[in-house]
């Protein structure tokens, strides 16, 4: 009985470890930073990212057509454009890839 119980615990631990290994995509904070960096890059010095709010990252899975992970993203980016605040919605599926040790976001 103890052997069977030990095997069950081992199987559960193995399944948990395999599940953790499959979710090697970006953390929510890494994805949020990648989104902010992409807005900064895209607009150059003319725009400053004030904040990324209500950010949610879900459904990450290995991308099929390119390197990285495809994730569903929702939230808002608050931009400061020459002293004027503008809110840009985030909603869609984006690809994240680790590049030189940091996560980068690409439109999907």
C-alpha atoms as a PDB file:
ATOM      1  CA  UNK A   1       0.000   0.000   0.000  1.00  0.00           C
ATOM      2  CA  UNK A   2       2.788   2.444   0.916  1.00  0.00           C
ATOM      3  CA  UNK A   3       4.566   1.673  -2.382  1.00  0.00           C
ATOM      4  CA  UNK A   4       1.414   2.375  -4.387  1.00  0.00           C
ATOM      5  CA  UNK A   5       0.845   5.620  -2.504  1.00  0.00           C
ATOM      6  CA  UNK A   6       4.469   6.630  -3.115  1.00  0.00           C
ATOM      7  CA  UNK A   7       4.022   5.926  -6.837  1.00  0.00           C
ATOM      8  CA  UNK A   8       0.924   8.144  -6.924  1.00  0.00           C
ATOM      9  CA  UNK A   9       2.774  10.977  -5.207  1.00  0.00           C
ATOM     10  CA  UNK A  10       5.661  10.517  -7.651  1.00  0.00           C
ATOM     11  CA  UNK A  11       3.281  10.609 -10.631  1.00  0.00           C
ATOM     12  CA  UNK A  12       1.617  13.773  -9.353  1.00  0.00           C
ATOM     13  CA  UNK A  13       5.009  15.427  -8.782  1.00  0.00           C
ATOM     14  CA  UNK A  14       6.161  14.419 -12.274  1.00  0.00           C
ATOM     15  CA  UNK A  15       2.981  15.783 -13.857  1.00  0.00           C
ATOM     16  CA  UNK A  16       3.397  19.066 -11.968  1.00  0.00           C
ATOM     17  CA  UNK A  17       7.027  19.349 -13.047  1.00  0.00           C
ATOM     18  CA  UNK A  18       6.122  18.646 -16.668  1.00  0.00           C
ATOM     19  CA  UNK A  19       3.356  21.240 -16.524  1.00  0.00           C
ATOM     20  CA  UNK A  20       5.762  23.802 -15.101  1.00  0.00           C
ATOM     21  CA  UNK A  21       8.265  23.050 -17.849  1.00  0.00           C
ATOM     22  CA  UNK A  22       5.648  23.618 -20.533  1.00  0.00           C
ATOM     23  CA  UNK A  23       4.885  27.099 -19.269  1.00  0.00           C
ATOM     24  CA  UNK A  24       8.328  28.497 -19.952  1.00  0.00           C
ATOM     25  CA  UNK A  25       6.849  31.597 -21.538  1.00  0.00           C
ATOM     26  CA  UNK A  26       7.193  35.063 -20.041  1.00  0.00           C
ATOM     27  CA  UNK A  27       5.950  35.926 -16.584  1.00  0.00           C
ATOM     28  CA  UNK A  28       3.280  38.582 -16.417  1.00  0.00           C
ATOM     29  CA  UNK A  29       5.831  41.173 -15.242  1.00  0.00           C
ATOM     30  CA  UNK A  30       8.271  40.216 -18.046  1.00  0.00           C
ATOM     31  CA  UNK A  31       5.496  40.482 -20.652  1.00  0.00           C
ATOM     32  CA  UNK A  32       4.364  43.839 -19.261  1.00  0.00           C
ATOM     33  CA  UNK A  33       7.937  45.177 -19.449  1.00  0.00           C
ATOM     34  CA  UNK A  34       8.257  43.882 -23.025  1.00  0.00           C
ATOM     35  CA  UNK A  35       5.060  45.698 -24.047  1.00  0.00           C
ATOM     36  CA  UNK A  36       6.251  48.968 -22.462  1.00  0.00           C
ATOM     37  CA  UNK A  37       9.654  48.617 -24.160  1.00  0.00           C
ATOM     38  CA  UNK A  38       8.018  48.014 -27.548  1.00  0.00           C
ATOM     39  CA  UNK A  39       5.874  51.157 -27.267  1.00  0.00           C
ATOM     40  CA  UNK A  40       8.987  53.129 -26.314  1.00  0.00           C
ATOM     41  CA  UNK A  41      10.913  51.668 -29.244  1.00  0.00           C
ATOM     42  CA  UNK A  42       8.085  52.202 -31.732  1.00  0.00           C
ATOM     43  CA  UNK A  43       7.532  55.858 -30.841  1.00  0.00           C
ATOM     44  CA  UNK A  44      11.141  56.749 -30.144  1.00  0.00           C
ATOM     45  CA  UNK A  45      11.839  59.638 -27.803  1.00  0.00           C
ATOM     46  CA  UNK A  46       8.605  61.442 -28.668  1.00  0.00           C
ATOM     47  CA  UNK A  47       6.477  59.291 -26.368  1.00  0.00           C
ATOM     48  CA  UNK A  48       6.934  58.132 -22.799  1.00  0.00           C
ATOM     49  CA  UNK A  49       5.130  55.119 -21.363  1.00  0.00           C
ATOM     50  CA  UNK A  50       3.622  56.243 -18.038  1.00  0.00           C
ATOM     51  CA  UNK A  51       2.191  52.877 -17.098  1.00  0.00           C
ATOM     52  CA  UNK A  52       0.768  49.614 -18.313  1.00  0.00           C
ATOM     53  CA  UNK A  53      -2.391  48.990 -16.324  1.00  0.00           C
ATOM     54  CA  UNK A  54      -4.978  46.258 -15.927  1.00  0.00           C
ATOM     55  CA  UNK A  55      -2.475  43.989 -17.689  1.00  0.00           C
ATOM     56  CA  UNK A  56      -3.357  40.321 -18.011  1.00  0.00           C
ATOM     57  CA  UNK A  57      -1.442  37.564 -19.734  1.00  0.00           C
ATOM     58  CA  UNK A  58      -3.265  34.307 -20.466  1.00  0.00           C
ATOM     59  CA  UNK A  59      -3.257  31.240 -22.653  1.00  0.00           C
ATOM     60  CA  UNK A  60       0.484  31.203 -23.374  1.00  0.00           C
ATOM     61  CA  UNK A  61       1.525  28.346 -25.621  1.00  0.00           C
ATOM     62  CA  UNK A  62       4.487  27.555 -27.825  1.00  0.00           C
ATOM     63  CA  UNK A  63       4.160  29.573 -31.039  1.00  0.00           C
ATOM     64  CA  UNK A  64       3.628  27.415 -34.109  1.00  0.00           C
ATOM     65  CA  UNK A  65       4.894  29.664 -36.905  1.00  0.00           C
ATOM     66  CA  UNK A  66       7.909  31.289 -35.190  1.00  0.00           C
ATOM     67  CA  UNK A  67      10.141  31.115 -32.111  1.00  0.00           C
ATOM     68  CA  UNK A  68       8.613  32.043 -28.791  1.00  0.00           C
ATOM     69  CA  UNK A  69       5.236  31.886 -27.122  1.00  0.00           C
ATOM     70  CA  UNK A  70       1.844  33.124 -28.299  1.00  0.00           C
ATOM     71  CA  UNK A  71      -0.117  34.715 -25.461  1.00  0.00           C
ATOM     72  CA  UNK A  72      -3.442  36.480 -25.107  1.00  0.00           C
ATOM     73  CA  UNK A  73      -2.962  39.979 -23.707  1.00  0.00           C
ATOM     74  CA  UNK A  74      -5.408  42.529 -22.335  1.00  0.00           C
ATOM     75  CA  UNK A  75      -4.868  45.847 -20.609  1.00  0.00           C
ATOM     76  CA  UNK A  76      -4.030  49.444 -21.394  1.00  0.00           C
ATOM     77  CA  UNK A  77      -0.883  51.440 -22.051  1.00  0.00           C
ATOM     78  CA  UNK A  78      -0.911  55.020 -20.781  1.00  0.00           C
ATOM     79  CA  UNK A  79       1.307  57.205 -22.949  1.00  0.00           C
ATOM     80  CA  UNK A  80       2.583  60.712 -22.326  1.00  0.00           C
ATOM     81  CA  UNK A  81       2.753  62.470 -25.686  1.00  0.00           C
ATOM     82  CA  UNK A  82       4.209  65.959 -25.210  1.00  0.00           C
ATOM     83  CA  UNK A  83       2.437  66.319 -21.866  1.00  0.00           C
ATOM     84  CA  UNK A  84      -0.871  64.855 -23.039  1.00  0.00           C
ATOM     85  CA  UNK A  85      -1.965  61.490 -21.639  1.00  0.00           C
ATOM     86  CA  UNK A  86      -3.366  58.998 -24.106  1.00  0.00           C
ATOM     87  CA  UNK A  87      -4.627  55.524 -23.304  1.00  0.00           C
ATOM     88  CA  UNK A  88      -4.063  52.749 -25.846  1.00  0.00           C
ATOM     89  CA  UNK A  89      -5.959  49.484 -25.383  1.00  0.00           C
ATOM     90  CA  UNK A  90      -4.150  46.164 -25.461  1.00  0.00           C
ATOM     91  CA  UNK A  91      -6.248  43.290 -26.634  1.00  0.00           C
ATOM     92  CA  UNK A  92      -5.131  40.388 -28.746  1.00  0.00           C
ATOM     93  CA  UNK A  93      -2.698  37.578 -29.256  1.00  0.00           C
ATOM     94  CA  UNK A  94       0.964  38.564 -29.157  1.00  0.00           C
ATOM     95  CA  UNK A  95       4.165  36.597 -29.595  1.00  0.00           C
ATOM     96  CA  UNK A  96       6.871  36.860 -26.949  1.00  0.00           C
ATOM     97  CA  UNK A  97      10.425  35.684 -27.526  1.00  0.00           C
ATOM     98  CA  UNK A  98      13.461  35.798 -25.289  1.00  0.00           C
ATOM     99  CA  UNK A  99      16.185  37.832 -26.979  1.00  0.00           C
ATOM    100  CA  UNK A 100      19.582  38.371 -25.298  1.00  0.00           C
ATOM    101  CA  UNK A 101      18.156  37.477 -21.899  1.00  0.00           C
ATOM    102  CA  UNK A 102      15.071  39.708 -22.048  1.00  0.00           C
ATOM    103  CA  UNK A 103      11.568  39.168 -23.384  1.00  0.00           C
ATOM    104  CA  UNK A 104      10.541  40.977 -26.567  1.00  0.00           C
ATOM    105  CA  UNK A 105       6.968  41.277 -27.884  1.00  0.00           C
ATOM    106  CA  UNK A 106       5.887  41.001 -31.514  1.00  0.00           C
ATOM    107  CA  UNK A 107       2.449  41.587 -32.986  1.00  0.00           C
ATOM    108  CA  UNK A 108       0.805  38.353 -33.990  1.00  0.00           C
END
